[in-house]
PDB file of N, CA and C in Angstrom:
ATOM      1  N   MET A   1     -18.503  12.006   2.305  1.00  0.00           N
ATOM      2  CA  MET A   1     -17.705  12.906   2.688  1.00  0.00           C
ATOM      3  C   MET A   1     -16.319  11.809   3.173  1.00  0.00           C
ATOM      4  N   ALA A   2     -15.405  11.561   2.077  1.00  0.00           N
ATOM      5  CA  ALA A   2     -13.603  11.246   2.395  1.00  0.00           C
ATOM      6  C   ALA A   2     -13.110  12.385   2.841  1.00  0.00           C
ATOM      7  N   LYS A   3     -11.658  11.816   3.522  1.00  0.00           N
ATOM      8  CA  LYS A   3     -10.889  12.811   3.688  1.00  0.00           C
ATOM      9  C   LYS A   3      -9.871  12.078   2.903  1.00  0.00           C
ATOM     10  N   ILE A   4      -9.331  12.565   2.123  1.00  0.00           N
ATOM     11  CA  ILE A   4      -8.255  11.606   1.126  1.00  0.00           C
ATOM     12  C   ILE A   4      -7.134  12.787   1.179  1.00  0.00           C
ATOM     13  N   LEU A   5      -5.658  11.981   1.096  1.00  0.00           N
ATOM     14  CA  LEU A   5      -4.401  12.155   1.255  1.00  0.00           C
ATOM     15  C   LEU A   5      -3.902  11.718  -0.405  1.00  0.00           C
ATOM     16  N   LEU A   6      -3.465  12.759  -0.698  1.00  0.00           N
ATOM     17  CA  LEU A   6      -3.218  13.053  -2.375  1.00  0.00           C
ATOM     18  C   LEU A   6      -1.882  13.131  -1.883  1.00  0.00           C
ATOM     19  N   VAL A   7      -0.468  12.255  -2.470  1.00  0.00           N
ATOM     20  CA  VAL A   7       0.429  12.208  -2.791  1.00  0.00           C
ATOM     21  C   VAL A   7       0.978  12.041  -4.152  1.00  0.00           C
ATOM     22  N   ASP A   8       1.645  12.988  -4.455  1.00  0.00           N
ATOM     23  CA  ASP A   8       2.587  13.321  -5.735  1.00  0.00           C
ATOM     24  C   ASP A   8       3.202  14.337  -5.619  1.00  0.00           C
ATOM     25  N   ASP A   9       4.356  14.005  -6.746  1.00  0.00           N
ATOM     26  CA  ASP A   9       5.563  15.118  -6.611  1.00  0.00           C
ATOM     27  C   ASP A   9       5.239  15.924  -7.800  1.00  0.00           C
ATOM     28  N   GLU A  10       4.441  16.586  -8.596  1.00  0.00           N
ATOM     29  CA  GLU A  10       3.785  16.941  -9.699  1.00  0.00           C
ATOM     30  C   GLU A  10       2.585  18.248  -9.037  1.00  0.00           C
ATOM     31  N   PRO A  11       2.872  19.359  -8.643  1.00  0.00           N
ATOM     32  CA  PRO A  11       1.992  20.201  -8.715  1.00  0.00           C
ATOM     33  C   PRO A  11       0.511  20.626  -9.303  1.00  0.00           C
ATOM     34  N   ASN A  12       0.653  20.200 -10.420  1.00  0.00           N
ATOM     35  CA  ASN A  12      -0.331  19.999 -11.323  1.00  0.00           C
ATOM     36  C   ASN A  12      -0.816  18.875 -11.355  1.00  0.00           C
ATOM     37  N   ILE A  13      -0.503  18.129 -10.965  1.00  0.00           N
ATOM     38  CA  ILE A  13      -1.467  16.968 -11.165  1.00  0.00           C
ATOM     39  C   ILE A  13      -1.909  16.837 -10.010  1.00  0.00           C
ATOM     40  N   ARG A  14      -1.465  17.152  -8.677  1.00  0.00           N
ATOM     41  CA  ARG A  14      -2.043  17.430  -7.245  1.00  0.00           C
ATOM     42  C   ARG A  14      -3.618  18.452  -7.342  1.00  0.00           C
ATOM     43  N   LEU A  15      -3.062  19.551  -8.126  1.00  0.00           N
ATOM     44  CA  LEU A  15      -4.448  20.043  -8.675  1.00  0.00           C
ATOM     45  C   LEU A  15      -5.418  19.704  -8.957  1.00  0.00           C
ATOM     46  N   LEU A  16      -5.168  18.747 -10.324  1.00  0.00           N
ATOM     47  CA  LEU A  16      -6.120  18.090 -10.649  1.00  0.00           C
ATOM     48  C   LEU A  16      -6.815  17.195 -10.114  1.00  0.00           C
ATOM     49  N   PHE A  17      -6.184  16.700  -9.322  1.00  0.00           N
ATOM     50  CA  PHE A  17      -6.812  15.332  -8.537  1.00  0.00           C
ATOM     51  C   PHE A  17      -7.991  16.447  -7.409  1.00  0.00           C
ATOM     52  N   SER A  18      -6.984  17.224  -6.437  1.00  0.00           N
ATOM     53  CA  SER A  18      -7.683  18.126  -5.623  1.00  0.00           C
ATOM     54  C   SER A  18      -8.931  18.588  -6.168  1.00  0.00           C
ATOM     55  N   GLU A  19      -8.922  19.494  -7.065  1.00  0.00           N
ATOM     56  CA  GLU A  19     -10.112  20.052  -7.767  1.00  0.00           C
ATOM     57  C   GLU A  19     -11.203  19.125  -8.072  1.00  0.00           C
ATOM     58  N   VAL A  20     -10.951  17.875  -8.309  1.00  0.00           N
ATOM     59  CA  VAL A  20     -12.061  17.282  -8.721  1.00  0.00           C
ATOM     60  C   VAL A  20     -12.579  16.632  -7.584  1.00  0.00           C
ATOM     61  N   LEU A  21     -11.753  16.119  -6.618  1.00  0.00           N
ATOM     62  CA  LEU A  21     -12.417  15.462  -5.851  1.00  0.00           C
ATOM     63  C   LEU A  21     -12.843  16.227  -4.681  1.00  0.00           C
ATOM     64  N   THR A  22     -12.525  17.536  -4.626  1.00  0.00           N
ATOM     65  CA  THR A  22     -13.036  18.431  -3.795  1.00  0.00           C
ATOM     66  C   THR A  22     -14.229  18.465  -4.527  1.00  0.00           C
ATOM     67  N   ASP A  23     -14.670  18.765  -5.699  1.00  0.00           N
ATOM     68  CA  ASP A  23     -15.884  18.944  -6.284  1.00  0.00           C
ATOM     69  C   ASP A  23     -17.038  17.743  -6.351  1.00  0.00           C
ATOM     70  N   GLU A  24     -16.371  16.854  -5.788  1.00  0.00           N
ATOM     71  CA  GLU A  24     -17.132  15.528  -5.554  1.00  0.00           C
ATOM     72  C   GLU A  24     -17.236  15.320  -4.334  1.00  0.00           C
ATOM     73  N   GLY A  25     -16.980  16.967  -2.907  1.00  0.00           N
ATOM     74  CA  GLY A  25     -17.526  16.304  -1.938  1.00  0.00           C
ATOM     75  C   GLY A  25     -16.562  15.946  -1.107  1.00  0.00           C
ATOM     76  N   HIS A  26     -15.317  15.480  -1.270  1.00  0.00           N
ATOM     77  CA  HIS A  26     -14.141  15.059  -0.632  1.00  0.00           C
ATOM     78  C   HIS A  26     -13.489  16.342  -0.043  1.00  0.00           C
ATOM     79  N   GLN A  27     -12.628  16.086   1.170  1.00  0.00           N
ATOM     80  CA  GLN A  27     -11.518  17.118   1.697  1.00  0.00           C
ATOM     81  C   GLN A  27     -10.382  16.325   1.393  1.00  0.00           C
ATOM     82  N   VAL A  28      -9.639  17.291   0.677  1.00  0.00           N
ATOM     83  CA  VAL A  28      -8.010  16.570   0.154  1.00  0.00           C
ATOM     84  C   VAL A  28      -7.206  17.049   0.776  1.00  0.00           C
ATOM     85  N   LEU A  29      -5.908  16.466   1.572  1.00  0.00           N
ATOM     86  CA  LEU A  29      -4.927  17.145   1.711  1.00  0.00           C
ATOM     87  C   LEU A  29      -3.832  16.163   0.901  1.00  0.00           C
ATOM     88  N   GLU A  30      -2.570  17.135   0.772  1.00  0.00           N
ATOM     89  CA  GLU A  30      -1.719  16.971  -0.057  1.00  0.00           C
ATOM     90  C   GLU A  30      -0.209  16.406   0.354  1.00  0.00           C
ATOM     91  N   ALA A  31       0.661  16.208  -0.420  1.00  0.00           N
ATOM     92  CA  ALA A  31       1.701  15.755   0.361  1.00  0.00           C
ATOM     93  C   ALA A  31       2.558  15.618  -1.362  1.00  0.00           C
ATOM     94  N   GLU A  32       3.796  16.105  -0.945  1.00  0.00           N
ATOM     95  CA  GLU A  32       4.736  15.592  -2.586  1.00  0.00           C
ATOM     96  C   GLU A  32       5.732  14.969  -2.465  1.00  0.00           C
ATOM     97  N   ASN A  33       5.974  14.207  -1.251  1.00  0.00           N
ATOM     98  CA  ASN A  33       6.923  13.221  -0.800  1.00  0.00           C
ATOM     99  C   ASN A  33       7.222  12.153   0.366  1.00  0.00           C
ATOM    100  N   GLU A  34       7.318  11.731   0.494  1.00  0.00           N
ATOM    101  CA  GLU A  34       7.014  10.973   2.016  1.00  0.00           C
ATOM    102  C   GLU A  34       6.889  11.578   3.092  1.00  0.00           C
ATOM    103  N   ARG A  35       7.643  12.261   3.438  1.00  0.00           N
ATOM    104  CA  ARG A  35       8.056  12.895   4.685  1.00  0.00           C
ATOM    105  C   ARG A  35       6.199  13.760   5.283  1.00  0.00           C
ATOM    106  N   GLU A  36       6.131  14.420   4.088  1.00  0.00           N
ATOM    107  CA  GLU A  36       4.952  15.090   3.862  1.00  0.00           C
ATOM    108  C   GLU A  36       3.981  14.359   4.240  1.00  0.00           C
ATOM    109  N   ALA A  37       4.055  13.147   3.546  1.00  0.00           N
ATOM    110  CA  ALA A  37       2.884  12.240   3.520  1.00  0.00           C
ATOM    111  C   ALA A  37       2.704  11.220   4.936  1.00  0.00           C
ATOM    112  N   PHE A  38       3.927  11.465   5.673  1.00  0.00           N
ATOM    113  CA  PHE A  38       3.739  10.486   7.074  1.00  0.00           C
ATOM    114  C   PHE A  38       3.565  11.838   7.459  1.00  0.00           C
ATOM    115  N   GLU A  39       3.579  12.902   7.874  1.00  0.00           N
ATOM    116  CA  GLU A  39       3.274  14.126   8.603  1.00  0.00           C
ATOM    117  C   GLU A  39       1.602  14.281   8.842  1.00  0.00           C
ATOM    118  N   VAL A  40       1.365  13.966   7.593  1.00  0.00           N
ATOM    119  CA  VAL A  40      -0.244  14.229   7.528  1.00  0.00           C
ATOM    120  C   VAL A  40      -0.956  12.830   7.985  1.00  0.00           C
ATOM    121  N   LEU A  41      -0.363  11.240   8.078  1.00  0.00           N
ATOM    122  CA  LEU A  41      -0.710  10.262   8.432  1.00  0.00           C
ATOM    123  C   LEU A  41      -0.707  10.524  10.032  1.00  0.00           C
ATOM    124  N   GLU A  42       0.420  10.955  10.724  1.00  0.00           N
ATOM    125  CA  GLU A  42       0.040  10.629  11.800  1.00  0.00           C
ATOM    126  C   GLU A  42      -0.961  11.629  12.322  1.00  0.00           C
ATOM    127  N   ARG A  43      -1.418  12.482  11.927  1.00  0.00           N
ATOM    128  CA  ARG A  43      -2.223  14.091  13.036  1.00  0.00           C
ATOM    129  C   ARG A  43      -3.215  13.825  12.368  1.00  0.00           C
ATOM    130  N   GLU A  44      -3.662  13.137  10.560  1.00  0.00           N
ATOM    131  CA  GLU A  44      -5.021  13.368  10.188  1.00  0.00           C
ATOM    132  C   GLU A  44      -5.852  11.803  10.204  1.00  0.00           C
ATOM    133  N   PRO A  45      -6.899  11.784  10.882  1.00  0.00           N
ATOM    134  CA  PRO A  45      -7.558  10.352  10.125  1.00  0.00           C
ATOM    135  C   PRO A  45      -7.988  10.643   8.778  1.00  0.00           C
ATOM    136  N   LEU A  46      -7.593   9.363   8.406  1.00  0.00           N
ATOM    137  CA  LEU A  46      -7.887   9.502   7.168  1.00  0.00           C
ATOM    138  C   LEU A  46      -8.653   8.038   6.541  1.00  0.00           C
ATOM    139  N   ASP A  47      -9.277   8.447   5.260  1.00  0.00           N
ATOM    140  CA  ASP A  47     -10.072   7.309   4.561  1.00  0.00           C
ATOM    141  C   ASP A  47      -9.930   6.965   3.501  1.00  0.00           C
ATOM    142  N   LEU A  48      -8.594   7.357   2.717  1.00  0.00           N
ATOM    143  CA  LEU A  48      -8.281   6.931   1.480  1.00  0.00           C
ATOM    144  C   LEU A  48      -6.691   7.804   1.391  1.00  0.00           C
ATOM    145  N   VAL A  49      -5.765   7.111   0.375  1.00  0.00           N
ATOM    146  CA  VAL A  49      -4.601   7.508   0.142  1.00  0.00           C
ATOM    147  C   VAL A  49      -4.296   7.425  -1.189  1.00  0.00           C
ATOM    148  N   ILE A  50      -4.259   8.599  -1.991  1.00  0.00           N
ATOM    149  CA  ILE A  50      -4.201   8.061  -3.260  1.00  0.00           C
ATOM    150  C   ILE A  50      -2.796   8.338  -3.683  1.00  0.00           C
ATOM    151  N   LEU A  51      -1.691   7.422  -4.055  1.00  0.00           N
ATOM    152  CA  LEU A  51      -0.101   7.731  -4.079  1.00  0.00           C
ATOM    153  C   LEU A  51       0.440   7.290  -5.827  1.00  0.00           C
ATOM    154  N   ASP A  52       0.950   8.373  -5.782  1.00  0.00           N
ATOM    155  CA  ASP A  52       1.879   8.252  -7.067  1.00  0.00           C
ATOM    156  C   ASP A  52       3.045   6.986  -7.024  1.00  0.00           C
ATOM    157  N   ILE A  53       3.569   6.334  -7.910  1.00  0.00           N
ATOM    158  CA  ILE A  53       4.635   5.367  -7.326  1.00  0.00           C
ATOM    159  C   ILE A  53       5.503   5.490  -8.153  1.00  0.00           C
ATOM    160  N   ARG A  54       5.608   6.814  -8.644  1.00  0.00           N
ATOM    161  CA  ARG A  54       6.639   7.560  -9.496  1.00  0.00           C
ATOM    162  C   ARG A  54       6.896   8.858  -8.868  1.00  0.00           C
ATOM    163  N   LEU A  55       7.623   8.846  -7.619  1.00  0.00           N
ATOM    164  CA  LEU A  55       8.116   9.934  -7.247  1.00  0.00           C
ATOM    165  C   LEU A  55       9.492  10.384  -7.364  1.00  0.00           C
ATOM    166  N   LYS A  56       9.902  12.049  -7.880  1.00  0.00           N
ATOM    167  CA  LYS A  56      11.228  11.846  -7.625  1.00  0.00           C
ATOM    168  C   LYS A  56      11.956  11.660  -6.425  1.00  0.00           C
ATOM    169  N   GLY A  57      12.941  10.842  -6.780  1.00  0.00           N
ATOM    170  CA  GLY A  57      14.157  10.209  -5.792  1.00  0.00           C
ATOM    171  C   GLY A  57      13.443   9.623  -4.579  1.00  0.00           C
ATOM    172  N   GLU A  58      12.588   9.398  -4.881  1.00  0.00           N
ATOM    173  CA  GLU A  58      11.693   8.294  -3.862  1.00  0.00           C
ATOM    174  C   GLU A  58      10.747   7.282  -4.425  1.00  0.00           C
ATOM    175  N   SER A  59      10.733   6.051  -4.321  1.00  0.00           N
ATOM    176  CA  SER A  59       9.648   4.789  -5.095  1.00  0.00           C
ATOM    177  C   SER A  59       8.405   4.907  -3.507  1.00  0.00           C
ATOM    178  N   GLY A  60       7.304   5.251  -5.081  1.00  0.00           N
ATOM    179  CA  GLY A  60       6.085   5.417  -4.148  1.00  0.00           C
ATOM    180  C   GLY A  60       5.586   3.896  -3.997  1.00  0.00           C
ATOM    181  N   LEU A  61       6.598   3.097  -4.011  1.00  0.00           N
ATOM    182  CA  LEU A  61       6.253   1.366  -3.698  1.00  0.00           C
ATOM    183  C   LEU A  61       6.691   0.998  -2.396  1.00  0.00           C
ATOM    184  N   ASP A  62       7.814   1.588  -2.180  1.00  0.00           N
ATOM    185  CA  ASP A  62       8.779   1.739  -1.043  1.00  0.00           C
ATOM    186  C   ASP A  62       7.559   2.779   0.048  1.00  0.00           C
ATOM    187  N   ILE A  63       7.206   3.605  -0.432  1.00  0.00           N
ATOM    188  CA  ILE A  63       6.220   4.123   0.216  1.00  0.00           C
ATOM    189  C   ILE A  63       5.066   3.761   0.629  1.00  0.00           C
ATOM    190  N   LEU A  64       4.272   2.542  -0.412  1.00  0.00           N
ATOM    191  CA  LEU A  64       2.777   2.417  -0.433  1.00  0.00           C
ATOM    192  C   LEU A  64       2.966   1.592   0.461  1.00  0.00           C
ATOM    193  N   GLN A  65       4.111   0.017   0.830  1.00  0.00           N
ATOM    194  CA  GLN A  65       4.522  -1.031   2.073  1.00  0.00           C
ATOM    195  C   GLN A  65       4.493  -0.040   3.006  1.00  0.00           C
ATOM    196  N   LYS A  66       5.059   0.819   3.605  1.00  0.00           N
ATOM    197  CA  LYS A  66       5.151   1.741   4.687  1.00  0.00           C
ATOM    198  C   LYS A  66       4.088   1.848   5.123  1.00  0.00           C
ATOM    199  N   VAL A  67       3.215   2.429   4.387  1.00  0.00           N
ATOM    200  CA  VAL A  67       1.934   3.136   4.878  1.00  0.00           C
ATOM    201  C   VAL A  67       1.079   1.865   4.836  1.00  0.00           C
ATOM    202  N   VAL A  68       1.057   0.695   4.634  1.00  0.00           N
ATOM    203  CA  VAL A  68       0.471  -0.162   4.398  1.00  0.00           C
ATOM    204  C   VAL A  68       0.847  -0.824   5.819  1.00  0.00           C
ATOM    205  N   ALA A  69       1.879  -0.871   5.717  1.00  0.00           N
ATOM    206  CA  ALA A  69       2.390  -2.199   7.277  1.00  0.00           C
ATOM    207  C   ALA A  69       2.069  -1.249   8.818  1.00  0.00           C
ATOM    208  N   GLN A  70       1.596   0.412   8.332  1.00  0.00           N
ATOM    209  CA  GLN A  70       1.815   1.595   9.820  1.00  0.00           C
ATOM    210  C   GLN A  70       0.551   1.471   9.680  1.00  0.00           C
ATOM    211  N   TYR A  71      -0.252   1.893   8.925  1.00  0.00           N
ATOM    212  CA  TYR A  71      -1.545   1.774   8.307  1.00  0.00           C
ATOM    213  C   TYR A  71      -2.627   1.361   7.801  1.00  0.00           C
ATOM    214  N   PRO A  72      -2.481  -0.409   8.208  1.00  0.00           N
ATOM    215  CA  PRO A  72      -3.380  -1.132   7.542  1.00  0.00           C
ATOM    216  C   PRO A  72      -5.175  -0.781   7.501  1.00  0.00           C
ATOM    217  N   HIS A  73      -5.160   0.133   7.701  1.00  0.00           N
ATOM    218  CA  HIS A  73      -6.866   0.269   7.742  1.00  0.00           C
ATOM    219  C   HIS A  73      -7.115   1.093   6.918  1.00  0.00           C
ATOM    220  N   ILE A  74      -6.059   2.010   6.126  1.00  0.00           N
ATOM    221  CA  ILE A  74      -6.377   3.232   4.894  1.00  0.00           C
ATOM    222  C   ILE A  74      -6.083   2.280   3.711  1.00  0.00           C
ATOM    223  N   PRO A  75      -7.183   2.138   3.023  1.00  0.00           N
ATOM    224  CA  PRO A  75      -7.113   2.057   1.675  1.00  0.00           C
ATOM    225  C   PRO A  75      -6.128   2.981   0.872  1.00  0.00           C
ATOM    226  N   VAL A  76      -5.420   2.225  -0.179  1.00  0.00           N
ATOM    227  CA  VAL A  76      -4.223   2.967  -0.661  1.00  0.00           C
ATOM    228  C   VAL A  76      -4.010   2.354  -1.864  1.00  0.00           C
TER     229      VAL A  76
END
């Protein structure tokens, strides 16, 4: 079982991915923006981040660079 952070600004997409991953036995945490994502990253040990590159008002690619720089051990 992996602990996965799912970052997407669309609730329906988060719900779909979360249900599928949970059914596969994974624990899924959700965030809809950069601020929420980093709040989770700071408090939870994670195995994987699934990140949408098109977020409202934010660049997923910029967030990707920040995550990789601060948490290089977590695959994104």
